[in-house]
Amino acid sequence: MGKALKRAWEGFLGLLERSLARPYRPRLRMPSPQPGAQAPKKPEVAYAPPSRRLLYATALCLLALVALSCALILSIILLGRAPEELTTSIVALSSTLAGIYIGRRGGDLGGR
């Protein structure tokens, strides 16, 4: 049971790492081609992996969001109402996750 849980956790972290990896272009000055010569290729796009701290913080936020959502569903089923504290916590965690992904992806909402 321990190996399966560890494998699931590593798979979850791998999925988060791939979703948080952002492309960047190395800052290289490409020399201008000589007359009659072929133009040089563009530099390769590399990927900047997220830090472990960001990865674990995102995982913790996602797990807390799932737990709070389950608690909200249970309270609606059992009590017939949605507590404001749970709703506020879910909105705050959702905003945190949106901020992480928008900030990591560059945050350019202009669509360049």
C-alpha atoms as a PDB file:
ATOM      1  CA  MET A   1       0.000   0.000   0.000  1.00  0.00           C
ATOM      2  CA  GLY A   2       2.878   2.385   0.786  1.00  0.00           C
ATOM      3  CA  LYS A   3       4.514   1.924  -2.621  1.00  0.00           C
ATOM      4  CA  ALA A   4       1.266   2.573  -4.456  1.00  0.00           C
ATOM      5  CA  LEU A   5       0.653   5.750  -2.461  1.00  0.00           C
ATOM      6  CA  LYS A   6       4.204   6.960  -3.078  1.00  0.00           C
ATOM      7  CA  ARG A   7       3.869   6.220  -6.784  1.00  0.00           C
ATOM      8  CA  ALA A   8       0.547   8.114  -6.927  1.00  0.00           C
ATOM      9  CA  TRP A   9       2.113  11.087  -5.099  1.00  0.00           C
ATOM     10  CA  GLU A  10       5.095  11.136  -7.477  1.00  0.00           C
ATOM     11  CA  GLY A  11       2.743  10.924 -10.459  1.00  0.00           C
ATOM     12  CA  PHE A  12       0.704  13.828  -9.082  1.00  0.00           C
ATOM     13  CA  LEU A  13       3.840  15.912  -8.553  1.00  0.00           C
ATOM     14  CA  GLY A  14       5.043  15.021 -12.062  1.00  0.00           C
ATOM     15  CA  LEU A  15       1.743  16.178 -13.525  1.00  0.00           C
ATOM     16  CA  LEU A  16       1.976  19.442 -11.614  1.00  0.00           C
ATOM     17  CA  GLU A  17       5.592  19.922 -12.663  1.00  0.00           C
ATOM     18  CA  ARG A  18       4.690  19.508 -16.333  1.00  0.00           C
ATOM     19  CA  SER A  19       1.770  21.907 -16.019  1.00  0.00           C
ATOM     20  CA  LEU A  20       3.905  24.538 -14.250  1.00  0.00           C
ATOM     21  CA  ALA A  21       6.929  24.274 -16.577  1.00  0.00           C
ATOM     22  CA  ARG A  22       7.211  27.372 -18.690  1.00  0.00           C
ATOM     23  CA  PRO A  23       9.043  27.816 -21.959  1.00  0.00           C
ATOM     24  CA  TYR A  24      11.743  30.420 -22.244  1.00  0.00           C
ATOM     25  CA  ARG A  25      14.091  31.443 -24.991  1.00  0.00           C
ATOM     26  CA  PRO A  26      17.748  31.768 -24.151  1.00  0.00           C
ATOM     27  CA  ARG A  27      19.005  35.314 -24.648  1.00  0.00           C
ATOM     28  CA  LEU A  28      21.418  34.789 -27.502  1.00  0.00           C
ATOM     29  CA  ARG A  29      22.378  37.323 -30.080  1.00  0.00           C
ATOM     30  CA  MET A  30      22.200  35.725 -33.446  1.00  0.00           C
ATOM     31  CA  PRO A  31      24.821  37.104 -35.852  1.00  0.00           C
ATOM     32  CA  SER A  32      23.499  38.588 -39.044  1.00  0.00           C
ATOM     33  CA  PRO A  33      24.027  36.253 -41.988  1.00  0.00           C
ATOM     34  CA  GLN A  34      26.606  37.076 -44.622  1.00  0.00           C
ATOM     35  CA  PRO A  35      25.316  37.805 -48.115  1.00  0.00           C
ATOM     36  CA  GLY A  36      24.509  34.546 -49.848  1.00  0.00           C
ATOM     37  CA  ALA A  37      24.714  32.493 -46.634  1.00  0.00           C
ATOM     38  CA  GLN A  38      21.868  30.610 -45.050  1.00  0.00           C
ATOM     39  CA  ALA A  39      20.185  32.338 -42.105  1.00  0.00           C
ATOM     40  CA  PRO A  40      20.920  30.706 -38.744  1.00  0.00           C
ATOM     41  CA  LYS A  41      18.196  28.758 -36.999  1.00  0.00           C
ATOM     42  CA  LYS A  42      16.343  30.263 -34.067  1.00  0.00           C
ATOM     43  CA  PRO A  43      17.597  29.246 -30.641  1.00  0.00           C
ATOM     44  CA  GLU A  44      15.911  26.198 -29.182  1.00  0.00           C
ATOM     45  CA  VAL A  45      13.089  26.700 -26.720  1.00  0.00           C
ATOM     46  CA  ALA A  46      14.011  25.324 -23.322  1.00  0.00           C
ATOM     47  CA  TYR A  47      11.734  24.705 -20.373  1.00  0.00           C
ATOM     48  CA  ALA A  48      12.209  26.164 -16.925  1.00  0.00           C
ATOM     49  CA  PRO A  49      11.013  23.664 -14.331  1.00  0.00           C
ATOM     50  CA  PRO A  50       9.270  25.036 -11.239  1.00  0.00           C
ATOM     51  CA  SER A  51      11.063  25.109  -7.905  1.00  0.00           C
ATOM     52  CA  ARG A  52      10.301  22.372  -5.389  1.00  0.00           C
ATOM     53  CA  ARG A  53       8.821  24.974  -3.048  1.00  0.00           C
ATOM     54  CA  LEU A  54       6.362  26.152  -5.707  1.00  0.00           C
ATOM     55  CA  LEU A  55       5.543  22.570  -6.638  1.00  0.00           C
ATOM     56  CA  TYR A  56       4.749  21.562  -3.051  1.00  0.00           C
ATOM     57  CA  ALA A  57       2.779  24.764  -2.387  1.00  0.00           C
ATOM     58  CA  THR A  58       0.658  24.149  -5.487  1.00  0.00           C
ATOM     59  CA  ALA A  59       0.081  20.517  -4.506  1.00  0.00           C
ATOM     60  CA  LEU A  60      -0.941  21.574  -1.005  1.00  0.00           C
ATOM     61  CA  CYS A  61      -3.342  24.201  -2.383  1.00  0.00           C
ATOM     62  CA  LEU A  62      -4.933  21.680  -4.746  1.00  0.00           C
ATOM     63  CA  LEU A  63      -5.350  19.057  -2.035  1.00  0.00           C
ATOM     64  CA  ALA A  64      -6.817  21.640   0.358  1.00  0.00           C
ATOM     65  CA  LEU A  65      -9.187  22.818  -2.373  1.00  0.00           C
ATOM     66  CA  VAL A  66     -10.415  19.264  -2.955  1.00  0.00           C
ATOM     67  CA  ALA A  67     -10.862  18.671   0.785  1.00  0.00           C
ATOM     68  CA  LEU A  68     -12.758  21.928   1.272  1.00  0.00           C
ATOM     69  CA  SER A  69     -14.959  21.217  -1.745  1.00  0.00           C
ATOM     70  CA  CYS A  70     -15.829  17.786  -0.313  1.00  0.00           C
ATOM     71  CA  ALA A  71     -16.606  19.411   3.048  1.00  0.00           C
ATOM     72  CA  LEU A  72     -18.852  21.942   1.316  1.00  0.00           C
ATOM     73  CA  ILE A  73     -20.746  19.213  -0.543  1.00  0.00           C
ATOM     74  CA  LEU A  74     -21.176  17.211   2.665  1.00  0.00           C
ATOM     75  CA  SER A  75     -22.409  20.229   4.591  1.00  0.00           C
ATOM     76  CA  ILE A  76     -24.940  21.028   1.865  1.00  0.00           C
ATOM     77  CA  ILE A  77     -26.176  17.434   1.882  1.00  0.00           C
ATOM     78  CA  LEU A  78     -26.281  17.038   5.667  1.00  0.00           C
ATOM     79  CA  LEU A  79     -27.135  20.553   6.852  1.00  0.00           C
ATOM     80  CA  GLY A  80     -28.930  21.914   3.816  1.00  0.00           C
ATOM     81  CA  ARG A  81     -26.833  25.087   3.717  1.00  0.00           C
ATOM     82  CA  ALA A  82     -23.407  26.252   2.630  1.00  0.00           C
ATOM     83  CA  PRO A  83     -21.312  27.828   5.401  1.00  0.00           C
ATOM     84  CA  GLU A  84     -19.772  31.159   4.410  1.00  0.00           C
ATOM     85  CA  GLU A  85     -16.388  30.168   5.825  1.00  0.00           C
ATOM     86  CA  LEU A  86     -16.084  27.199   3.480  1.00  0.00           C
ATOM     87  CA  THR A  87     -17.159  29.242   0.477  1.00  0.00           C
ATOM     88  CA  THR A  88     -14.697  32.000   1.333  1.00  0.00           C
ATOM     89  CA  SER A  89     -11.862  29.495   1.795  1.00  0.00           C
ATOM     90  CA  ILE A  90     -12.616  27.824  -1.534  1.00  0.00           C
ATOM     91  CA  VAL A  91     -12.636  31.172  -3.357  1.00  0.00           C
ATOM     92  CA  ALA A  92      -9.351  32.179  -1.680  1.00  0.00           C
ATOM     93  CA  LEU A  93      -7.614  28.919  -2.635  1.00  0.00           C
ATOM     94  CA  SER A  94      -8.966  29.103  -6.184  1.00  0.00           C
ATOM     95  CA  SER A  95      -7.613  32.640  -6.493  1.00  0.00           C
ATOM     96  CA  THR A  96      -4.246  31.520  -5.158  1.00  0.00           C
ATOM     97  CA  LEU A  97      -4.049  28.713  -7.709  1.00  0.00           C
ATOM     98  CA  ALA A  98      -5.109  31.034 -10.523  1.00  0.00           C
ATOM     99  CA  GLY A  99      -2.402  33.481  -9.451  1.00  0.00           C
ATOM    100  CA  ILE A 100       0.212  30.730  -9.429  1.00  0.00           C
ATOM    101  CA  TYR A 101      -0.643  29.588 -12.943  1.00  0.00           C
ATOM    102  CA  ILE A 102      -1.089  33.069 -14.422  1.00  0.00           C
ATOM    103  CA  GLY A 103       2.180  34.235 -12.866  1.00  0.00           C
ATOM    104  CA  ARG A 104       4.047  31.126 -13.958  1.00  0.00           C
ATOM    105  CA  ARG A 105       2.769  31.243 -17.520  1.00  0.00           C
ATOM    106  CA  GLY A 106       3.823  34.856 -17.951  1.00  0.00           C
ATOM    107  CA  GLY A 107       0.579  36.571 -17.064  1.00  0.00           C
ATOM    108  CA  ASP A 108       0.228  38.156 -20.514  1.00  0.00           C
ATOM    109  CA  LEU A 109      -3.502  38.365 -21.009  1.00  0.00           C
ATOM    110  CA  GLY A 110      -3.036  40.280 -24.262  1.00  0.00           C
ATOM    111  CA  GLY A 111      -2.410  37.027 -26.173  1.00  0.00           C
ATOM    112  CA  ARG A 112       0.873  37.735 -27.905  1.00  0.00           C
END
